[in-house]
Protein backbone atom coordinates (compact mmCIF):
# COMPACT_ATOMS: atom_id res chain seq x y z
CA MET A 1 -143.15 267.55 202.91
CA ASP A 2 -139.68 267.71 204.49
CA ASP A 3 -141.10 266.32 207.75
CA LEU A 4 -142.86 263.51 205.89
CA LEU A 5 -139.71 262.69 203.93
CA GLN A 6 -137.60 262.74 207.09
CA GLN A 7 -139.98 260.24 208.72
CA GLY A 8 -139.49 257.89 205.79
CA ILE A 9 -135.69 258.26 205.93
CA THR A 10 -135.69 257.52 209.66
CA ALA A 11 -137.83 254.39 209.13
CA TYR A 12 -135.58 253.23 206.26
CA LYS A 13 -132.41 253.60 208.32
CA ALA A 14 -134.07 251.70 211.17
CA GLY A 15 -134.68 248.74 208.83
CA LYS A 16 -138.44 249.37 208.57
CA ARG A 17 -138.54 249.14 204.81
CA GLU A 18 -142.30 248.58 204.44
CA GLU A 19 -143.13 251.57 206.63
CA ALA A 20 -140.57 253.73 204.82
CA ARG A 21 -141.98 252.73 201.44
CA ARG A 22 -145.53 253.78 202.44
CA ILE A 23 -144.23 257.14 203.63
CA PHE A 24 -142.22 257.75 200.43
CA ILE A 25 -145.28 256.89 198.28
CA ALA A 26 -147.24 259.52 200.19
CA ALA A 27 -144.36 261.97 199.74
CA VAL A 28 -144.15 261.63 195.93
CA LYS A 29 -147.95 261.91 195.63
CA LYS A 30 -147.88 265.08 197.70
CA THR A 31 -144.90 266.58 195.84
CA PRO A 32 -144.46 264.83 192.45
CA ASP A 33 -141.75 267.31 191.41
CA SER A 34 -139.41 266.50 194.32
CA GLU A 35 -136.28 264.81 192.96
CA ARG A 36 -135.20 263.90 196.49
CA ALA A 37 -138.50 262.16 197.27
CA TRP A 38 -138.28 260.08 194.07
CA GLY A 39 -134.68 259.21 194.97
CA TRP A 40 -135.74 257.71 198.28
CA MET A 41 -138.66 256.01 196.57
CA TYR A 42 -136.06 254.41 194.27
CA GLN A 43 -134.19 253.07 197.31
CA THR A 44 -137.26 251.18 198.56
CA SER A 45 -138.51 249.93 195.18
CA GLY A 46 -139.18 246.21 195.05
CA ASN A 47 -138.28 245.48 191.41
CA ASP A 48 -136.50 246.93 188.36
CA LYS A 49 -139.74 248.13 186.78
CA GLU A 50 -140.43 250.38 189.76
CA ARG A 51 -136.81 251.53 189.91
CA MET A 52 -136.90 252.54 186.24
CA TYR A 53 -140.12 254.49 186.83
CA CYS A 54 -138.55 256.38 189.75
CA LEU A 55 -135.41 257.17 187.75
CA LYS A 56 -137.49 258.46 184.84
CA GLN A 57 -139.35 260.77 187.20
CA MET A 58 -136.03 262.05 188.56
CA LEU A 59 -134.79 262.74 185.01
CA ARG A 60 -138.07 264.49 184.21
CA ILE A 61 -137.37 266.87 187.10
CA ASN A 62 -133.61 267.15 186.53
CA PRO A 63 -132.57 266.01 183.01
CA ARG A 64 -128.90 266.88 183.70
CA ASN A 65 -128.49 264.35 186.52
CA GLU A 66 -125.80 262.13 184.96
CA LYS A 67 -125.76 259.60 187.80
CA THR A 68 -129.51 259.02 187.47
CA SER A 69 -129.13 258.64 183.71
CA GLN A 70 -126.35 256.05 184.16
CA LEU A 71 -128.46 254.03 186.64
CA LEU A 72 -131.41 254.06 184.24
CA ASN A 73 -129.25 252.91 181.31
CA GLN A 74 -127.84 250.09 183.43
CA LEU A 75 -131.36 248.87 184.27
CA ILE A 76 -132.45 249.06 180.63
CA GLU A 77 -129.37 247.24 179.28
CA GLN A 78 -128.98 244.51 181.89
CA PRO A 79 -130.71 241.12 181.28
CA PRO A 80 -133.72 240.40 183.52
CA ALA A 81 -132.65 238.81 186.77
CA PRO A 82 -134.12 238.56 190.29
CA ALA A 83 -133.16 241.58 192.36
CA ALA A 84 -130.81 240.90 195.27
CA PRO A 85 -132.59 241.55 198.60
CA PRO A 86 -131.25 244.57 200.55
CA PRO A 87 -129.74 244.06 204.01
CA GLY A 88 -132.06 244.01 206.98
CA PRO A 89 -135.71 242.94 207.22
CA VAL A 90 -137.46 243.14 203.85
CA ILE A 91 -141.17 242.88 203.05
CA GLU A 92 -141.84 242.74 199.33
CA PRO A 93 -144.45 245.45 198.60
CA PRO A 94 -146.94 245.45 195.74
CA PRO A 95 -145.76 247.31 192.58
CA LEU A 96 -146.81 250.92 192.00
CA HIS A 97 -150.05 251.50 190.04
CA THR A 98 -151.14 247.82 190.25
CA GLU A 99 -153.68 245.99 192.34
CA PRO A 100 -152.57 243.56 195.10
CA THR A 101 -151.97 240.03 193.87
CA ARG A 102 -154.96 237.76 194.33
CA ALA A 103 -155.19 233.99 194.66
CA ALA A 104 -155.09 233.34 190.91
CA THR A 105 -154.07 235.37 187.87
CA ARG A 106 -153.91 235.05 184.11
CA LYS A 107 -152.44 236.99 181.19
CA CYS A 108 -154.54 239.49 179.28
CA PRO A 109 -154.97 238.14 175.70
CA HIS A 110 -154.64 241.70 174.32
CA CYS A 111 -151.64 243.28 176.13
CA GLY A 112 -150.03 240.30 177.95
CA GLU A 113 -150.13 241.84 181.46
CA GLU A 114 -150.99 239.74 184.53
CA ILE A 115 -154.57 240.32 185.72
CA ARG A 116 -156.96 238.71 188.20
CA LEU A 117 -158.48 235.44 187.03
CA GLU A 118 -162.04 236.64 187.62
CA ALA A 119 -161.55 240.15 186.18
CA PRO A 120 -163.98 240.90 183.30
CA ARG A 121 -161.68 243.65 181.96
CA CYS A 122 -157.91 244.16 181.85
CA SER A 123 -156.82 246.80 184.41
CA TYR A 124 -153.98 247.85 182.04
CA CYS A 125 -155.57 248.17 178.59
CA GLY A 126 -159.24 248.27 179.63
CA ARG A 127 -160.44 245.70 177.11
CA GLU A 128 -162.80 242.81 177.87
CA VAL A 129 -161.03 239.51 178.51
CA ASN A 130 -163.87 237.07 179.19
CA VAL A 131 -164.63 234.68 176.33
CA ARG A 132 -168.30 234.53 175.72
CA LYS A 133 -169.65 231.13 174.81
CA ALA A 134 -171.86 230.99 171.78
CA VAL A 135 -175.43 230.07 172.65
CA SER A 136 -177.14 227.78 170.22
CA PRO A 137 -180.67 228.95 169.40
CA GLN A 138 -183.32 226.61 170.67
CA LYS A 139 -185.39 224.93 168.05
CA THR A 140 -189.04 225.68 168.62
CA LYS A 141 -192.12 224.75 166.73
CA THR A 142 -194.14 227.72 165.59
CA LYS A 143 -197.33 227.96 163.66
CA LYS A 144 -197.31 229.53 160.26
CA LYS A 145 -200.50 231.43 160.90
CA ASN A 146 -200.62 234.87 162.52
CA LEU A 147 -196.86 235.54 162.07
CA ILE A 148 -197.22 239.05 160.63
CA LEU A 149 -198.11 240.79 163.92
CA PRO A 150 -195.22 239.27 165.98
CA VAL A 151 -192.73 240.14 163.22
CA ILE A 152 -193.94 243.76 163.13
CA SER A 153 -193.67 243.96 166.94
CA ILE A 154 -190.10 242.69 166.86
CA ILE A 155 -189.12 245.22 164.19
CA ILE A 156 -190.60 248.08 166.26
CA VAL A 157 -188.79 246.96 169.42
CA VAL A 158 -185.46 246.55 167.62
CA GLY A 159 -185.82 249.98 166.00
CA ALA A 160 -186.54 251.60 169.37
CA CYS A 161 -183.49 249.91 170.90
CA VAL A 162 -181.27 251.18 168.06
CA VAL A 163 -182.51 254.75 168.56
CA ILE A 164 -182.00 254.62 172.34
CA TYR A 165 -178.54 253.10 171.93
CA SER A 166 -177.55 255.81 169.45
CA LEU A 167 -178.70 258.52 171.86
CA LEU A 168 -176.76 256.98 174.72
CA ILE A 169 -173.60 256.83 172.63
CA ASN A 170 -173.91 260.45 171.51
CA VAL A 171 -174.43 261.75 175.06
CA GLY A 172 -171.06 262.86 176.32
CA LYS A 173 -169.14 261.47 173.33
CA ASP A 174 -166.88 264.50 173.48
CA LEU A 175 -166.21 263.97 177.21
CA ILE A 176 -165.38 260.24 177.32
CA VAL A 177 -162.99 258.30 175.06
CA GLN A 178 -161.39 254.87 175.14
CA PRO A 179 -157.98 255.09 173.42
CA THR A 180 -156.01 252.27 171.84
CA PRO A 181 -154.81 249.90 174.63
CA THR A 182 -151.34 250.71 175.95
CA ARG A 183 -149.00 249.17 178.52
CA ASN A 184 -149.35 251.85 181.23
CA PRO A 185 -151.80 254.55 182.37
CA GLN A 186 -149.44 257.40 181.43
CA GLU A 187 -149.28 256.34 177.76
CA SER A 188 -153.03 255.72 177.71
CA ALA A 189 -153.61 259.26 179.07
CA TRP A 190 -151.37 260.65 176.31
CA TYR A 191 -153.35 259.06 173.49
CA ALA A 192 -156.66 259.94 175.17
CA CYS A 193 -155.60 263.61 175.08
CA THR A 194 -154.85 263.42 171.34
CA LEU A 195 -158.34 262.00 170.76
CA PHE A 196 -159.94 264.82 172.73
CA VAL A 197 -157.93 267.38 170.76
CA GLN A 198 -159.17 265.79 167.55
CA LYS A 199 -162.80 265.87 168.76
CA GLN A 200 -162.78 269.35 170.27
CA MET A 201 -160.26 271.21 168.10
CA LYS A 202 -160.61 269.20 164.85
CA VAL A 203 -156.85 268.54 164.80
CA ALA A 204 -155.77 265.19 163.33
CA VAL A 205 -154.12 262.70 165.70
CA ILE A 206 -151.40 262.08 163.10
CA ASP A 207 -150.14 265.65 163.62
CA ALA A 208 -149.56 265.08 167.34
CA GLN A 209 -146.12 264.60 168.88
CA ARG A 210 -145.21 260.97 169.59
CA TYR A 211 -145.70 259.71 173.14
CA ASN A 212 -143.40 261.55 175.55
CA PRO A 213 -143.51 260.33 179.19
CA ASN A 214 -142.20 263.70 180.34
CA GLY A 215 -145.40 265.29 179.08
CA VAL A 216 -147.62 263.27 181.47
CA MET A 217 -147.97 264.21 185.15
CA PHE A 218 -150.04 262.46 187.84
CA LEU A 219 -151.67 265.18 189.97
CA ASP A 220 -152.38 265.07 193.73
CA ASN A 221 -156.16 264.86 193.21
CA GLY A 222 -155.84 261.72 191.05
CA ASP A 223 -156.14 263.49 187.69
CA TYR A 224 -153.58 263.40 184.89
CA ARG A 225 -152.14 266.47 183.17
CA VAL A 226 -151.00 265.81 179.59
CA ASP A 227 -149.08 268.28 177.38
CA VAL A 228 -149.03 267.30 173.67
CA SER A 229 -147.10 269.37 171.12
CA TYR A 230 -148.40 269.90 167.56
CA ALA A 231 -145.42 271.11 165.52
CA LYS A 232 -147.43 272.05 162.41
CA LEU A 233 -149.68 274.34 164.45
CA ASN A 234 -146.85 275.61 166.66
CA THR A 235 -149.18 274.84 169.57
CA THR A 236 -149.15 272.74 172.74
CA TYR A 237 -152.49 271.38 173.96
CA THR A 238 -152.95 270.67 177.67
CA CYS A 239 -155.55 268.12 178.85
CA ILE A 240 -156.70 267.49 182.42
CA LEU A 241 -158.04 263.91 182.43
CA LEU A 242 -159.76 261.57 184.88
CA ASP A 243 -159.23 257.82 184.54
CA HIS A 244 -162.51 255.90 184.91
CA ALA A 245 -162.72 252.14 185.47
CA GLY A 246 -162.63 250.10 182.29
CA GLY A 247 -160.08 252.23 180.45
CA ASN A 248 -162.40 255.22 179.85
CA TRP A 249 -160.96 258.73 180.13
CA GLU A 250 -162.96 261.85 181.02
CA LEU A 251 -161.86 265.27 179.77
CA LYS A 252 -162.10 267.84 182.59
CA SER A 253 -160.42 270.72 180.74
CA LEU A 254 -158.56 271.43 177.48
CA GLY A 255 -156.32 274.41 176.78
CA ALA A 256 -153.94 275.56 174.03
CA THR A 257 -150.64 277.47 174.25
CA LYS A 258 -148.89 279.00 171.28
CA LYS A 259 -145.12 278.47 171.19
């Protein structure tokens, strides 16, 4: 990791900001608990949102870093303003954890985040965003005779569909959940873990600790590790989760640790 980090530092000092940024992203994915790697990632961040995320990761690793805490407070307190470009050649990179900007975007009607115009679901909260147009039933002329058999056939088909749909929902219901929409994947992973704990351990969500970003870690293999404390039970539950497209979360493992 030191070699990879040194490559990024060399590129940054040479004015190759885009190249340095790609290297630092690889470095923090490889070693998410490296305060130094997150510090350099902060230096190449393209906006205040990314800078705040990097500073929070640094404080997660080293909560006693007063300088990092001061920088984070300054970003939180200052009014929104365009960031001044750094010296040297600058190529504005795409934000972390978001898709590249397409030709046209719109705001999600549920969470307010910018998403692609043609996207059927919001990439942040996972909810459907397309407005379905109501289809007026066509008026058809039917004969009054021989209606009993078609009606019975329709009832049988509808009943079969209901049974099949119920079976499909019950399959894997303890492995997949779709939590309340949130503004970032880390918070969504947190609430998904509390739902799994409720399903598997029969522990009420209301007893769970409130969302704590320090309890969510993005692992190298793309999974999320979430540690949720339940004070009444004197227990911490640990979930390993996989984020599926559409805001669905898969539970890969669930463990409990007594305090």
